[in-house]
PDB file of N, CA and C in Angstrom:
ATOM      1  N   MET A   1      12.782  -0.255   1.803  1.00  0.00           N
ATOM      2  CA  MET A   1      11.651   0.479   3.040  1.00  0.00           C
ATOM      3  C   MET A   1       9.998  -0.906   3.177  1.00  0.00           C
ATOM      4  N   SER A   2      10.341  -1.076   4.266  1.00  0.00           N
ATOM      5  CA  SER A   2       8.588  -1.461   4.423  1.00  0.00           C
ATOM      6  C   SER A   2       7.566  -1.154   5.142  1.00  0.00           C
ATOM      7  N   PHE A   3       6.222  -1.556   5.011  1.00  0.00           N
ATOM      8  CA  PHE A   3       5.141  -0.561   5.265  1.00  0.00           C
ATOM      9  C   PHE A   3       4.408  -0.970   6.210  1.00  0.00           C
ATOM     10  N   ARG A   4       3.390  -0.701   7.157  1.00  0.00           N
ATOM     11  CA  ARG A   4       2.906  -1.610   7.568  1.00  0.00           C
ATOM     12  C   ARG A   4       1.042  -1.243   8.176  1.00  0.00           C
ATOM     13  N   ILE A   5       0.177  -1.541   8.775  1.00  0.00           N
ATOM     14  CA  ILE A   5      -1.238  -0.511   8.539  1.00  0.00           C
ATOM     15  C   ILE A   5      -1.412  -0.018  10.100  1.00  0.00           C
ATOM     16  N   PRO A   6      -1.587   1.640   9.809  1.00  0.00           N
ATOM     17  CA  PRO A   6      -1.705   2.014  11.579  1.00  0.00           C
ATOM     18  C   PRO A   6      -2.718   1.475  12.246  1.00  0.00           C
ATOM     19  N   SER A   7      -2.603   0.723  12.981  1.00  0.00           N
ATOM     20  CA  SER A   7      -3.749   0.822  14.005  1.00  0.00           C
ATOM     21  C   SER A   7      -4.948   0.998  14.117  1.00  0.00           C
ATOM     22  N   ARG A   8      -4.499   2.273  13.680  1.00  0.00           N
ATOM     23  CA  ARG A   8      -6.576   3.478  13.490  1.00  0.00           C
ATOM     24  C   ARG A   8      -6.861   3.270  12.465  1.00  0.00           C
ATOM     25  N   VAL A   9      -6.394   2.170  11.442  1.00  0.00           N
ATOM     26  CA  VAL A   9      -6.899   2.328  10.324  1.00  0.00           C
ATOM     27  C   VAL A   9      -7.568   1.095   9.981  1.00  0.00           C
ATOM     28  N   ALA A  10      -9.092   0.944  10.164  1.00  0.00           N
ATOM     29  CA  ALA A  10      -9.786  -0.313   9.673  1.00  0.00           C
ATOM     30  C   ALA A  10      -9.835  -0.381   7.992  1.00  0.00           C
ATOM     31  N   HIS A  11     -10.000  -1.694   7.399  1.00  0.00           N
ATOM     32  CA  HIS A  11      -9.765  -2.029   5.934  1.00  0.00           C
ATOM     33  C   HIS A  11     -10.547  -3.308   5.494  1.00  0.00           C
ATOM     34  N   TRP A  12     -11.039  -3.127   4.203  1.00  0.00           N
ATOM     35  CA  TRP A  12     -11.684  -4.025   3.789  1.00  0.00           C
ATOM     36  C   TRP A  12     -11.147  -4.670   2.966  1.00  0.00           C
ATOM     37  N   VAL A  13     -10.793  -5.575   1.954  1.00  0.00           N
ATOM     38  CA  VAL A  13      -9.893  -5.829   0.240  1.00  0.00           C
ATOM     39  C   VAL A  13     -10.936  -6.576  -0.363  1.00  0.00           C
ATOM     40  N   GLY A  14     -11.409  -6.260  -1.494  1.00  0.00           N
ATOM     41  CA  GLY A  14     -11.953  -7.613  -2.302  1.00  0.00           C
ATOM     42  C   GLY A  14     -11.551  -7.368  -3.822  1.00  0.00           C
ATOM     43  N   GLY A  15     -11.768  -8.379  -4.311  1.00  0.00           N
ATOM     44  CA  GLY A  15     -11.519  -8.584  -5.721  1.00  0.00           C
ATOM     45  C   GLY A  15      -9.757  -9.103  -5.750  1.00  0.00           C
ATOM     46  N   GLU A  16      -9.256  -9.517  -6.929  1.00  0.00           N
ATOM     47  CA  GLU A  16      -8.082  -9.713  -7.016  1.00  0.00           C
ATOM     48  C   GLU A  16      -7.480  -8.772  -7.846  1.00  0.00           C
ATOM     49  N   ASP A  17      -6.073  -8.538  -7.937  1.00  0.00           N
ATOM     50  CA  ASP A  17      -4.741  -7.816  -9.488  1.00  0.00           C
ATOM     51  C   ASP A  17      -5.855  -6.796  -9.723  1.00  0.00           C
ATOM     52  N   LEU A  18      -5.850  -6.518 -10.725  1.00  0.00           N
ATOM     53  CA  LEU A  18      -6.721  -5.094 -11.278  1.00  0.00           C
ATOM     54  C   LEU A  18      -7.864  -5.133 -10.488  1.00  0.00           C
ATOM     55  N   ASP A  19      -8.305  -5.689 -10.351  1.00  0.00           N
ATOM     56  CA  ASP A  19     -10.227  -5.572  -9.953  1.00  0.00           C
ATOM     57  C   ASP A  19     -10.288  -5.719  -8.393  1.00  0.00           C
ATOM     58  N   THR A  20      -9.149  -5.393  -7.880  1.00  0.00           N
ATOM     59  CA  THR A  20      -8.891  -5.091  -6.408  1.00  0.00           C
ATOM     60  C   THR A  20      -9.367  -4.130  -5.863  1.00  0.00           C
ATOM     61  N   VAL A  21     -10.319  -3.463  -5.177  1.00  0.00           N
ATOM     62  CA  VAL A  21     -11.077  -2.719  -3.971  1.00  0.00           C
ATOM     63  C   VAL A  21     -10.383  -3.015  -2.662  1.00  0.00           C
ATOM     64  N   VAL A  22     -10.201  -1.907  -2.094  1.00  0.00           N
ATOM     65  CA  VAL A  22      -9.704  -1.702  -0.717  1.00  0.00           C
ATOM     66  C   VAL A  22     -10.507  -0.641  -0.357  1.00  0.00           C
ATOM     67  N   PHE A  23     -11.491  -1.001   1.233  1.00  0.00           N
ATOM     68  CA  PHE A  23     -12.137   0.502   1.552  1.00  0.00           C
ATOM     69  C   PHE A  23     -11.489   0.715   2.979  1.00  0.00           C
ATOM     70  N   LEU A  24     -10.874   1.674   2.935  1.00  0.00           N
ATOM     71  CA  LEU A  24      -9.755   2.173   4.212  1.00  0.00           C
ATOM     72  C   LEU A  24     -10.976   3.435   4.723  1.00  0.00           C
ATOM     73  N   ARG A  25     -11.056   3.503   6.510  1.00  0.00           N
ATOM     74  CA  ARG A  25     -11.406   4.117   7.156  1.00  0.00           C
ATOM     75  C   ARG A  25     -10.540   4.685   8.324  1.00  0.00           C
ATOM     76  N   SER A  26     -10.212   5.829   8.516  1.00  0.00           N
ATOM     77  CA  SER A  26      -9.056   6.349  10.173  1.00  0.00           C
ATOM     78  C   SER A  26     -10.465   6.044  11.173  1.00  0.00           C
ATOM     79  N   VAL A  27     -10.516   5.688  12.224  1.00  0.00           N
ATOM     80  CA  VAL A  27     -11.191   5.172  13.098  1.00  0.00           C
ATOM     81  C   VAL A  27     -10.558   5.976  14.508  1.00  0.00           C
ATOM     82  N   PRO A  28     -11.135   5.986  15.357  1.00  0.00           N
ATOM     83  CA  PRO A  28     -12.896   6.544  15.406  1.00  0.00           C
ATOM     84  C   PRO A  28     -13.235   7.934  14.665  1.00  0.00           C
ATOM     85  N   GLY A  29     -14.425   8.095  13.658  1.00  0.00           N
ATOM     86  CA  GLY A  29     -14.892   8.622  13.215  1.00  0.00           C
ATOM     87  C   GLY A  29     -13.440   9.765  11.560  1.00  0.00           C
ATOM     88  N   GLY A  30     -13.063   8.974  11.197  1.00  0.00           N
ATOM     89  CA  GLY A  30     -11.898   9.486  10.257  1.00  0.00           C
ATOM     90  C   GLY A  30     -12.972   9.525   8.794  1.00  0.00           C
ATOM     91  N   GLN A  31     -11.907   9.686   7.786  1.00  0.00           N
ATOM     92  CA  GLN A  31     -12.316   9.694   6.670  1.00  0.00           C
ATOM     93  C   GLN A  31     -13.011   8.777   5.927  1.00  0.00           C
ATOM     94  N   ASN A  32     -13.523   8.141   4.515  1.00  0.00           N
ATOM     95  CA  ASN A  32     -13.799   6.962   4.180  1.00  0.00           C
ATOM     96  C   ASN A  32     -12.885   6.855   2.923  1.00  0.00           C
ATOM     97  N   TYR A  33     -12.013   5.967   2.403  1.00  0.00           N
ATOM     98  CA  TYR A  33     -10.961   6.379   1.542  1.00  0.00           C
ATOM     99  C   TYR A  33     -11.303   4.907   0.644  1.00  0.00           C
ATOM    100  N   VAL A  34     -11.193   4.890  -0.890  1.00  0.00           N
ATOM    101  CA  VAL A  34     -11.526   3.452  -1.499  1.00  0.00           C
ATOM    102  C   VAL A  34     -10.675   3.701  -2.892  1.00  0.00           C
ATOM    103  N   LEU A  35      -9.710   2.706  -2.384  1.00  0.00           N
ATOM    104  CA  LEU A  35      -8.864   2.855  -3.758  1.00  0.00           C
ATOM    105  C   LEU A  35      -9.060   1.583  -4.290  1.00  0.00           C
ATOM    106  N   SER A  36      -8.556   1.684  -5.892  1.00  0.00           N
ATOM    107  CA  SER A  36      -8.979   0.476  -6.689  1.00  0.00           C
ATOM    108  C   SER A  36      -7.858   0.133  -7.467  1.00  0.00           C
ATOM    109  N   GLY A  37      -7.980  -0.743  -8.802  1.00  0.00           N
ATOM    110  CA  GLY A  37      -6.991  -0.863  -9.589  1.00  0.00           C
ATOM    111  C   GLY A  37      -5.788  -1.049  -9.027  1.00  0.00           C
ATOM    112  N   SER A  38      -4.925  -0.011  -9.356  1.00  0.00           N
ATOM    113  CA  SER A  38      -2.963   0.028  -9.299  1.00  0.00           C
ATOM    114  C   SER A  38      -2.724   0.242  -7.935  1.00  0.00           C
ATOM    115  N   GLY A  39      -3.805   1.581  -7.285  1.00  0.00           N
ATOM    116  CA  GLY A  39      -3.592   2.056  -6.264  1.00  0.00           C
ATOM    117  C   GLY A  39      -3.970   0.825  -5.285  1.00  0.00           C
ATOM    118  N   ALA A  40      -4.945   0.164  -5.394  1.00  0.00           N
ATOM    119  CA  ALA A  40      -5.840  -0.594  -4.305  1.00  0.00           C
ATOM    120  C   ALA A  40      -4.630  -1.903  -4.294  1.00  0.00           C
ATOM    121  N   LEU A  41      -3.684  -2.295  -5.457  1.00  0.00           N
ATOM    122  CA  LEU A  41      -2.449  -2.854  -5.582  1.00  0.00           C
ATOM    123  C   LEU A  41      -1.355  -2.381  -4.969  1.00  0.00           C
ATOM    124  N   ILE A  42      -1.221  -1.887  -5.112  1.00  0.00           N
ATOM    125  CA  ILE A  42       0.221  -0.529  -4.247  1.00  0.00           C
ATOM    126  C   ILE A  42       0.344  -0.712  -2.453  1.00  0.00           C
ATOM    127  N   TRP A  43      -1.082  -0.465  -1.954  1.00  0.00           N
ATOM    128  CA  TRP A  43      -1.743  -0.965  -1.008  1.00  0.00           C
ATOM    129  C   TRP A  43      -1.782  -1.840  -0.063  1.00  0.00           C
ATOM    130  N   CYS A  44      -1.916  -3.075  -0.793  1.00  0.00           N
ATOM    131  CA  CYS A  44      -2.399  -4.135  -0.670  1.00  0.00           C
ATOM    132  C   CYS A  44      -0.408  -4.643  -0.351  1.00  0.00           C
ATOM    133  N   VAL A  45       0.115  -4.483  -1.417  1.00  0.00           N
ATOM    134  CA  VAL A  45       1.803  -4.995  -1.745  1.00  0.00           C
ATOM    135  C   VAL A  45       2.244  -4.414  -0.459  1.00  0.00           C
ATOM    136  N   ALA A  46       2.046  -3.319  -0.099  1.00  0.00           N
ATOM    137  CA  ALA A  46       2.499  -2.486   0.865  1.00  0.00           C
ATOM    138  C   ALA A  46       2.429  -2.808   1.940  1.00  0.00           C
ATOM    139  N   ALA A  47       1.371  -3.248   2.211  1.00  0.00           N
ATOM    140  CA  ALA A  47       0.386  -3.536   3.757  1.00  0.00           C
ATOM    141  C   ALA A  47       1.053  -5.238   3.941  1.00  0.00           C
ATOM    142  N   GLU A  48       1.229  -5.736   3.174  1.00  0.00           N
ATOM    143  CA  GLU A  48       1.924  -7.268   3.542  1.00  0.00           C
ATOM    144  C   GLU A  48       2.927  -7.108   3.577  1.00  0.00           C
ATOM    145  N   GLY A  49       4.036  -5.664   3.843  1.00  0.00           N
ATOM    146  CA  GLY A  49       5.311  -5.762   4.700  1.00  0.00           C
ATOM    147  C   GLY A  49       6.116  -5.812   3.331  1.00  0.00           C
ATOM    148  N   ALA A  50       6.285  -5.913   1.958  1.00  0.00           N
ATOM    149  CA  ALA A  50       7.048  -6.020   0.834  1.00  0.00           C
ATOM    150  C   ALA A  50       8.381  -4.871   1.246  1.00  0.00           C
ATOM    151  N   GLU A  51       9.751  -5.635   1.348  1.00  0.00           N
ATOM    152  CA  GLU A  51      10.289  -4.754   1.468  1.00  0.00           C
ATOM    153  C   GLU A  51      10.553  -3.820   0.271  1.00  0.00           C
ATOM    154  N   ASP A  52      10.533  -4.066  -1.017  1.00  0.00           N
ATOM    155  CA  ASP A  52      10.705  -3.196  -2.196  1.00  0.00           C
ATOM    156  C   ASP A  52       9.191  -3.152  -2.719  1.00  0.00           C
ATOM    157  N   VAL A  53       8.226  -2.320  -2.476  1.00  0.00           N
ATOM    158  CA  VAL A  53       7.149  -2.636  -3.170  1.00  0.00           C
ATOM    159  C   VAL A  53       7.157  -1.806  -4.930  1.00  0.00           C
ATOM    160  N   PRO A  54       7.991  -1.411  -5.490  1.00  0.00           N
ATOM    161  CA  PRO A  54       7.644  -1.293  -6.489  1.00  0.00           C
ATOM    162  C   PRO A  54       8.478  -2.886  -7.313  1.00  0.00           C
ATOM    163  N   ALA A  55       9.378  -3.135  -7.421  1.00  0.00           N
ATOM    164  CA  ALA A  55       9.977  -4.522  -7.348  1.00  0.00           C
ATOM    165  C   ALA A  55       9.316  -5.146  -7.303  1.00  0.00           C
ATOM    166  N   GLU A  56       8.175  -5.383  -6.317  1.00  0.00           N
ATOM    167  CA  GLU A  56       7.033  -6.598  -6.204  1.00  0.00           C
ATOM    168  C   GLU A  56       5.987  -6.167  -7.459  1.00  0.00           C
ATOM    169  N   LEU A  57       5.839  -5.314  -7.364  1.00  0.00           N
ATOM    170  CA  LEU A  57       4.938  -5.334  -8.502  1.00  0.00           C
ATOM    171  C   LEU A  57       5.096  -5.191  -9.838  1.00  0.00           C
ATOM    172  N   ALA A  58       6.005  -4.517  -9.976  1.00  0.00           N
ATOM    173  CA  ALA A  58       7.284  -4.650 -11.616  1.00  0.00           C
ATOM    174  C   ALA A  58       7.214  -6.520 -11.526  1.00  0.00           C
ATOM    175  N   GLU A  59       7.661  -6.944 -10.652  1.00  0.00           N
ATOM    176  CA  GLU A  59       7.653  -8.701 -10.826  1.00  0.00           C
ATOM    177  C   GLU A  59       6.347  -9.017 -11.205  1.00  0.00           C
ATOM    178  N   MET A  60       5.035  -8.918 -10.608  1.00  0.00           N
ATOM    179  CA  MET A  60       3.971  -9.430 -11.015  1.00  0.00           C
ATOM    180  C   MET A  60       3.365  -8.940 -12.522  1.00  0.00           C
ATOM    181  N   PHE A  61       3.844  -7.784 -12.653  1.00  0.00           N
ATOM    182  CA  PHE A  61       3.251  -7.280 -13.957  1.00  0.00           C
ATOM    183  C   PHE A  61       4.378  -7.567 -15.138  1.00  0.00           C
ATOM    184  N   SER A  62       5.187  -8.022 -15.028  1.00  0.00           N
ATOM    185  CA  SER A  62       6.103  -8.070 -15.599  1.00  0.00           C
ATOM    186  C   SER A  62       6.439  -7.087 -16.916  1.00  0.00           C
ATOM    187  N   VAL A  63       6.835  -6.151 -16.074  1.00  0.00           N
ATOM    188  CA  VAL A  63       6.971  -4.900 -16.923  1.00  0.00           C
ATOM    189  C   VAL A  63       8.956  -3.782 -15.795  1.00  0.00           C
ATOM    190  N   PRO A  64       9.100  -3.404 -16.575  1.00  0.00           N
ATOM    191  CA  PRO A  64      10.571  -3.052 -15.807  1.00  0.00           C
ATOM    192  C   PRO A  64      10.677  -2.299 -15.009  1.00  0.00           C
ATOM    193  N   VAL A  65      11.019  -2.245 -13.615  1.00  0.00           N
ATOM    194  CA  VAL A  65      10.576  -1.967 -12.200  1.00  0.00           C
ATOM    195  C   VAL A  65      11.242  -0.011 -12.933  1.00  0.00           C
ATOM    196  N   GLU A  66      12.153   0.241 -13.420  1.00  0.00           N
ATOM    197  CA  GLU A  66      12.481   1.661 -13.809  1.00  0.00           C
ATOM    198  C   GLU A  66      11.081   2.426 -14.120  1.00  0.00           C
ATOM    199  N   GLU A  67      10.191   1.832 -15.273  1.00  0.00           N
ATOM    200  CA  GLU A  67       8.961   2.256 -15.638  1.00  0.00           C
ATOM    201  C   GLU A  67       8.262   2.875 -14.494  1.00  0.00           C
ATOM    202  N   ILE A  68       8.229   2.058 -13.455  1.00  0.00           N
ATOM    203  CA  ILE A  68       7.030   2.479 -12.471  1.00  0.00           C
ATOM    204  C   ILE A  68       7.475   2.754 -11.132  1.00  0.00           C
ATOM    205  N   ARG A  69       8.709   2.912 -10.282  1.00  0.00           N
ATOM    206  CA  ARG A  69       9.393   3.337  -9.510  1.00  0.00           C
ATOM    207  C   ARG A  69       8.822   4.409  -8.827  1.00  0.00           C
ATOM    208  N   ARG A  70       8.668   5.521  -9.779  1.00  0.00           N
ATOM    209  CA  ARG A  70       8.832   7.093  -9.386  1.00  0.00           C
ATOM    210  C   ARG A  70       7.140   6.750  -9.230  1.00  0.00           C
ATOM    211  N   ASP A  71       6.061   6.166  -9.737  1.00  0.00           N
ATOM    212  CA  ASP A  71       5.115   6.578  -9.350  1.00  0.00           C
ATOM    213  C   ASP A  71       4.255   6.049  -8.519  1.00  0.00           C
ATOM    214  N   VAL A  72       5.207   4.795  -8.244  1.00  0.00           N
ATOM    215  CA  VAL A  72       4.502   3.858  -6.847  1.00  0.00           C
ATOM    216  C   VAL A  72       5.365   4.484  -5.955  1.00  0.00           C
ATOM    217  N   LEU A  73       6.395   4.847  -6.100  1.00  0.00           N
ATOM    218  CA  LEU A  73       7.113   5.716  -4.754  1.00  0.00           C
ATOM    219  C   LEU A  73       6.070   7.256  -4.560  1.00  0.00           C
ATOM    220  N   ASP A  74       5.284   7.695  -5.315  1.00  0.00           N
ATOM    221  CA  ASP A  74       4.820   9.038  -5.231  1.00  0.00           C
ATOM    222  C   ASP A  74       3.239   8.435  -4.430  1.00  0.00           C
ATOM    223  N   HIS A  75       2.788   7.698  -4.971  1.00  0.00           N
ATOM    224  CA  HIS A  75       1.612   6.669  -4.373  1.00  0.00           C
ATOM    225  C   HIS A  75       1.558   6.786  -2.851  1.00  0.00           C
ATOM    226  N   LEU A  76       3.008   5.499  -2.872  1.00  0.00           N
ATOM    227  CA  LEU A  76       3.030   5.372  -1.319  1.00  0.00           C
ATOM    228  C   LEU A  76       3.164   6.595  -0.401  1.00  0.00           C
ATOM    229  N   ASP A  77       3.866   7.581  -0.651  1.00  0.00           N
ATOM    230  CA  ASP A  77       4.306   8.730   0.060  1.00  0.00           C
ATOM    231  C   ASP A  77       2.568   9.534   0.426  1.00  0.00           C
ATOM    232  N   GLU A  78       1.981   9.524  -0.970  1.00  0.00           N
ATOM    233  CA  GLU A  78       0.600  10.232  -0.771  1.00  0.00           C
ATOM    234  C   GLU A  78      -0.006   9.201   0.794  1.00  0.00           C
ATOM    235  N   LEU A  79       0.311   7.950   0.534  1.00  0.00           N
ATOM    236  CA  LEU A  79      -1.100   6.925   1.579  1.00  0.00           C
ATOM    237  C   LEU A  79      -0.242   7.573   2.769  1.00  0.00           C
ATOM    238  N   VAL A  80       1.035   7.540   3.071  1.00  0.00           N
ATOM    239  CA  VAL A  80       1.809   7.955   4.489  1.00  0.00           C
ATOM    240  C   VAL A  80       1.360   9.251   4.856  1.00  0.00           C
ATOM    241  N   SER A  81       1.078  10.439   3.526  1.00  0.00           N
ATOM    242  CA  SER A  81       0.708  11.304   4.329  1.00  0.00           C
ATOM    243  C   SER A  81      -0.732  11.663   4.976  1.00  0.00           C
ATOM    244  N   LYS A  82      -1.908  10.756   4.278  1.00  0.00           N
ATOM    245  CA  LYS A  82      -2.786  10.598   4.538  1.00  0.00           C
ATOM    246  C   LYS A  82      -3.366   9.656   5.946  1.00  0.00           C
ATOM    247  N   GLY A  83      -1.725   9.037   6.674  1.00  0.00           N
ATOM    248  CA  GLY A  83      -2.143   7.927   7.363  1.00  0.00           C
ATOM    249  C   GLY A  83      -2.698   6.952   7.321  1.00  0.00           C
ATOM    250  N   LEU A  84      -2.622   5.915   5.878  1.00  0.00           N
ATOM    251  CA  LEU A  84      -3.163   4.999   5.748  1.00  0.00           C
ATOM    252  C   LEU A  84      -2.261   4.088   5.781  1.00  0.00           C
ATOM    253  N   LEU A  85      -1.058   4.387   5.303  1.00  0.00           N
ATOM    254  CA  LEU A  85       0.236   3.567   5.814  1.00  0.00           C
ATOM    255  C   LEU A  85       1.005   3.908   6.498  1.00  0.00           C
ATOM    256  N   GLU A  86       2.088   3.372   7.570  1.00  0.00           N
ATOM    257  CA  GLU A  86       2.887   4.181   7.985  1.00  0.00           C
ATOM    258  C   GLU A  86       4.241   3.424   8.026  1.00  0.00           C
ATOM    259  N   PRO A  87       5.173   3.949   7.805  1.00  0.00           N
ATOM    260  CA  PRO A  87       6.925   3.038   7.568  1.00  0.00           C
ATOM    261  C   PRO A  87       7.662   2.241   8.480  1.00  0.00           C
ATOM    262  N   HIS A  88       7.606   0.915   8.302  1.00  0.00           N
ATOM    263  CA  HIS A  88       7.919   0.637   9.579  1.00  0.00           C
ATOM    264  C   HIS A  88       9.670  -0.285   8.993  1.00  0.00           C
ATOM    265  N   ARG A  89      10.643  -0.416  10.325  1.00  0.00           N
ATOM    266  CA  ARG A  89      11.653  -0.309   9.750  1.00  0.00           C
ATOM    267  C   ARG A  89      12.000  -1.452  11.144  1.00  0.00           C
ATOM    268  N   ASP A  90      12.129  -2.190  10.456  1.00  0.00           N
ATOM    269  CA  ASP A  90      11.909  -4.231  11.548  1.00  0.00           C
ATOM    270  C   ASP A  90      13.442  -3.882  11.990  1.00  0.00           C
ATOM    271  N   THR A  91      13.871  -3.733  13.707  1.00  0.00           N
ATOM    272  CA  THR A  91      15.111  -3.621  13.902  1.00  0.00           C
ATOM    273  C   THR A  91      15.715  -4.629  14.152  1.00  0.00           C
ATOM    274  N   GLY A  92      14.777  -6.191  14.349  1.00  0.00           N
ATOM    275  CA  GLY A  92      15.314  -7.636  14.486  1.00  0.00           C
ATOM    276  C   GLY A  92      14.958  -7.973  15.558  1.00  0.00           C
ATOM    277  N   LYS A  93      14.815  -6.887  16.337  1.00  0.00           N
ATOM    278  CA  LYS A  93      14.100  -7.100  18.185  1.00  0.00           C
ATOM    279  C   LYS A  93      12.572  -7.445  18.487  1.00  0.00           C
ATOM    280  N   HIS A  94      12.663  -8.018  19.016  1.00  0.00           N
ATOM    281  CA  HIS A  94      11.102  -8.605  19.399  1.00  0.00           C
ATOM    282  C   HIS A  94      10.930  -8.398  20.973  1.00  0.00           C
TER     283      HIS A  94
END
């Protein structure tokens, strides 16, 4: 499953790899969020539309996907529940 940034979420990304910081705000007048480290990377990889976020991250850091899959999926669920990402299913229709 892939994800996308909801149209009501403003974002700014700085840094790279584990130094990445993501500032998010639901607009208008929503709450501010700051993600850093692995949380920021999870959001960035998901926001770029990766089909398998845990696998992408496992490959980036040369770790077995089984070691990180549950934690990554839990974080994605939290981001979706806060409205900072939304699931996206590409139907192939344009």
